[in-house]
Amino acid sequence: GGDSIYAYNGSSTNTVSTRLIEGELVRDIGANGSKVWVVTNYGPSRYRQVLRTWMHNRNGISDNLIDVQRVRVADDGTPWIGTKDGVGFLPDTTWMMVKSPGPASNYVEDLCIDGTHKLVVTTGYRKAGPPPGADRGPLRYAPATLKWEQFLAPDLPANRASTCDASPVDGMVWLGFWGDNTI
């Protein structure tokens, strides 16, 4: 039983062994070359392709692992996770958690790596909290300077995005919004 993970190489689909994570809910998968991470209700795990096994790593993450929803892998191999309390990255063996600058924007719906390959873009879709206009997402975080910056565009619907992606080719950041922005 349990969820399955598959790898598609362009011509065939292979089942990836879920031997350490079988029976757990697969929330998201992030991959960049040989660096593959999965987020389950047990937390983030790295897939070691040569050994064909998964290695759990929860060091530095709160016990409430259900909050880890997203994972992305930067070009340098650094994994990033999105939680209800902000973002986290793994510089060595312990996750470093980084809170964003506003209570409504700490709930990370999605995250992506922008075209500079250094910045993580988080989208803070306000689940509940301050009145409309008080939320701070979408935001961009620069690990090199430890600084957040907000996307300031008058045409963003109340600054609340539910999903994002970024093109490494042209650096374009794509943001998706729910139709109802009053939630």
Protein backbone atom coordinates (compact mmCIF):
# COMPACT_ATOMS: atom_id res chain seq x y z
CA GLY A 1 0.00 0.00 0.00
CA GLY A 2 0.90 3.67 0.04
CA ASP A 3 1.64 6.28 -2.54
CA SER A 4 3.91 5.55 -5.46
CA ILE A 5 6.73 7.52 -7.04
CA TYR A 6 7.65 7.15 -10.68
CA ALA A 7 10.53 8.43 -12.80
CA TYR A 8 10.03 9.08 -16.52
CA ASN A 9 13.15 9.32 -18.70
CA GLY A 10 11.47 10.33 -21.95
CA SER A 11 10.73 6.85 -23.18
CA SER A 12 9.78 4.71 -20.20
CA THR A 13 8.36 5.00 -16.70
CA ASN A 14 10.08 3.31 -13.78
CA THR A 15 8.74 2.84 -10.28
CA VAL A 16 11.07 4.33 -7.70
CA SER A 17 11.42 2.26 -4.56
CA THR A 18 9.45 3.78 -1.70
CA ARG A 19 11.02 1.42 0.81
CA LEU A 20 11.50 3.91 3.74
CA ILE A 21 8.57 6.11 2.85
CA GLU A 22 5.96 3.57 1.81
CA GLY A 23 2.55 4.28 3.23
CA GLU A 24 3.23 7.98 3.61
CA LEU A 25 1.46 10.77 1.73
CA VAL A 26 3.67 12.17 -1.03
CA ARG A 27 3.05 15.94 -0.94
CA ASP A 28 5.65 17.18 -3.42
CA ILE A 29 8.79 16.22 -5.34
CA GLY A 30 11.69 18.52 -6.18
CA ALA A 31 14.50 17.49 -8.51
CA ASN A 32 17.52 19.04 -10.17
CA GLY A 33 19.74 16.52 -11.92
CA SER A 34 20.70 13.78 -9.49
CA LYS A 35 19.40 15.78 -6.50
CA VAL A 36 15.89 14.46 -5.81
CA TRP A 37 13.86 15.28 -2.70
CA VAL A 38 10.35 14.26 -1.70
CA VAL A 39 8.14 15.72 1.02
CA THR A 40 5.75 13.37 2.82
CA ASN A 41 3.83 13.59 6.07
CA TYR A 42 7.05 12.28 7.65
CA GLY A 43 9.05 15.28 6.40
CA PRO A 44 11.66 15.74 3.64
CA SER A 45 13.70 12.84 2.27
CA ARG A 46 16.52 12.71 -0.28
CA TYR A 47 16.64 9.96 -2.89
CA ARG A 48 20.09 8.44 -3.22
CA GLN A 49 19.98 7.19 -6.81
CA VAL A 50 23.13 5.05 -6.67
CA LEU A 51 21.88 3.18 -3.60
CA ARG A 52 18.22 3.43 -4.71
CA THR A 53 17.16 4.36 -1.18
CA TRP A 54 15.61 7.35 0.60
CA MET A 55 17.28 9.19 3.47
CA HIS A 56 15.01 11.13 5.86
CA ASN A 57 16.28 14.44 7.17
CA ARG A 58 14.19 16.31 9.75
CA ASN A 59 17.01 18.01 11.67
CA GLY A 60 15.97 21.58 12.49
CA ILE A 61 12.31 21.18 11.48
CA SER A 62 9.53 21.43 14.08
CA ASP A 63 7.73 18.29 15.15
CA ASN A 64 4.61 19.35 13.25
CA LEU A 65 5.83 17.90 9.94
CA ILE A 66 2.39 18.09 8.38
CA ASP A 67 3.28 21.76 7.73
CA VAL A 68 5.97 20.88 5.15
CA GLN A 69 4.12 21.12 1.84
CA ARG A 70 6.63 22.00 -0.91
CA VAL A 71 10.20 21.19 -1.91
CA ARG A 72 12.38 22.61 -4.70
CA VAL A 73 16.05 22.05 -5.53
CA ALA A 74 18.28 24.91 -6.68
CA ASP A 75 20.91 24.47 -9.39
CA ASP A 76 23.62 24.24 -6.75
CA GLY A 77 21.78 21.25 -5.24
CA THR A 78 20.39 23.10 -2.21
CA PRO A 79 16.92 21.85 -1.29
CA TRP A 80 14.28 24.40 -0.16
CA ILE A 81 11.06 23.54 1.67
CA GLY A 82 7.88 25.57 2.16
CA THR A 83 5.94 25.36 5.43
CA LYS A 84 3.20 27.32 7.19
CA ASP A 85 5.98 29.12 9.08
CA GLY A 86 8.13 30.26 6.14
CA VAL A 87 10.84 28.60 4.08
CA GLY A 88 13.78 26.42 4.97
CA PHE A 89 16.95 25.31 3.23
CA LEU A 90 19.55 22.64 3.92
CA PRO A 91 23.08 24.10 3.82
CA ASP A 92 24.65 21.01 5.47
CA THR A 93 22.92 18.47 7.72
CA THR A 94 20.44 20.73 9.54
CA TRP A 95 17.53 22.63 7.98
CA MET A 96 17.71 26.39 8.46
CA MET A 97 14.22 27.85 8.80
CA VAL A 98 13.64 31.45 7.64
CA LYS A 99 10.50 33.35 8.58
CA SER A 100 9.15 35.89 6.13
CA PRO A 101 8.46 39.47 7.23
CA GLY A 102 4.72 39.22 7.80
CA PRO A 103 2.31 36.90 9.63
CA ALA A 104 0.09 36.32 6.62
CA SER A 105 3.01 35.59 4.28
CA ASN A 106 4.56 32.89 6.44
CA TYR A 107 2.14 30.30 5.06
CA VAL A 108 3.97 29.11 1.94
CA GLU A 109 1.58 27.81 -0.68
CA ASP A 110 4.34 27.27 -3.26
CA LEU A 111 7.94 28.22 -3.89
CA CYS A 112 10.26 28.39 -6.86
CA ILE A 113 13.82 29.36 -7.73
CA ASP A 114 14.10 32.45 -9.92
CA GLY A 115 16.33 33.00 -12.96
CA THR A 116 19.38 34.08 -10.93
CA HIS A 117 19.47 30.59 -9.39
CA LYS A 118 20.08 32.24 -6.04
CA LEU A 119 16.71 33.58 -4.93
CA VAL A 120 13.77 31.58 -3.66
CA VAL A 121 10.34 32.95 -4.50
CA THR A 122 7.58 32.18 -2.02
CA THR A 123 3.92 32.90 -2.45
CA GLY A 124 1.95 33.78 0.66
CA TYR A 125 -1.71 33.04 0.02
CA ARG A 126 -3.55 34.29 3.08
CA LYS A 127 -5.53 31.43 4.64
CA ALA A 128 -6.77 33.56 7.53
CA GLY A 129 -5.58 36.49 9.53
CA PRO A 130 -5.31 40.22 8.90
CA PRO A 131 -7.79 42.03 6.64
CA PRO A 132 -7.19 42.08 2.86
CA GLY A 133 -4.18 44.17 1.93
CA ALA A 134 -2.26 43.24 5.10
CA ASP A 135 -0.65 40.16 3.58
CA ARG A 136 2.91 40.41 2.24
CA GLY A 137 3.28 37.75 -0.45
CA PRO A 138 4.57 37.07 -3.03
CA LEU A 139 8.08 37.57 -1.72
CA ARG A 140 11.61 36.89 -2.89
CA TYR A 141 14.39 35.83 -0.51
CA ALA A 142 18.09 36.28 -1.21
CA PRO A 143 20.11 33.73 0.80
CA ALA A 144 23.37 35.60 0.16
CA THR A 145 22.07 38.77 1.90
CA LEU A 146 19.44 37.15 4.16
CA LYS A 147 16.97 39.77 2.89
CA TRP A 148 13.36 39.58 1.73
CA GLU A 149 11.90 41.76 -0.99
CA GLN A 150 8.27 42.07 -1.99
CA PHE A 151 6.93 41.98 -5.52
CA LEU A 152 5.38 45.43 -5.73
CA ALA A 153 3.07 45.53 -8.70
CA PRO A 154 -0.23 47.41 -8.69
CA ASP A 155 -1.84 44.79 -10.92
CA LEU A 156 -1.32 41.85 -8.53
CA PRO A 157 -4.67 40.76 -7.03
CA ALA A 158 -4.19 41.74 -3.36
CA ASN A 159 -0.66 40.25 -3.44
CA ARG A 160 -2.06 36.78 -2.74
CA ALA A 161 -0.74 34.07 -5.04
CA SER A 162 -1.38 30.35 -4.73
CA THR A 163 1.34 28.99 -7.02
CA CYS A 164 4.52 30.04 -8.82
CA ASP A 165 7.25 28.87 -11.15
CA ALA A 166 10.28 30.54 -12.69
CA SER A 167 12.02 30.03 -16.00
CA PRO A 168 15.79 29.51 -15.69
CA VAL A 169 16.14 30.52 -19.35
CA ASP A 170 14.76 34.07 -19.21
CA GLY A 171 14.28 34.64 -15.47
CA MET A 172 10.53 35.18 -15.87
CA VAL A 173 8.58 34.50 -12.67
CA TRP A 174 5.06 33.15 -13.16
CA LEU A 175 2.43 33.61 -10.43
CA GLY A 176 -0.99 31.99 -10.26
CA PHE A 177 -3.90 33.42 -8.30
CA TRP A 178 -7.15 31.93 -7.07
CA GLY A 179 -10.24 33.42 -8.67
CA ASP A 180 -11.63 34.51 -5.30
CA ASN A 181 -9.11 36.85 -3.66
CA THR A 182 -11.28 37.73 -0.68
CA ILE A 183 -10.46 34.60 1.35
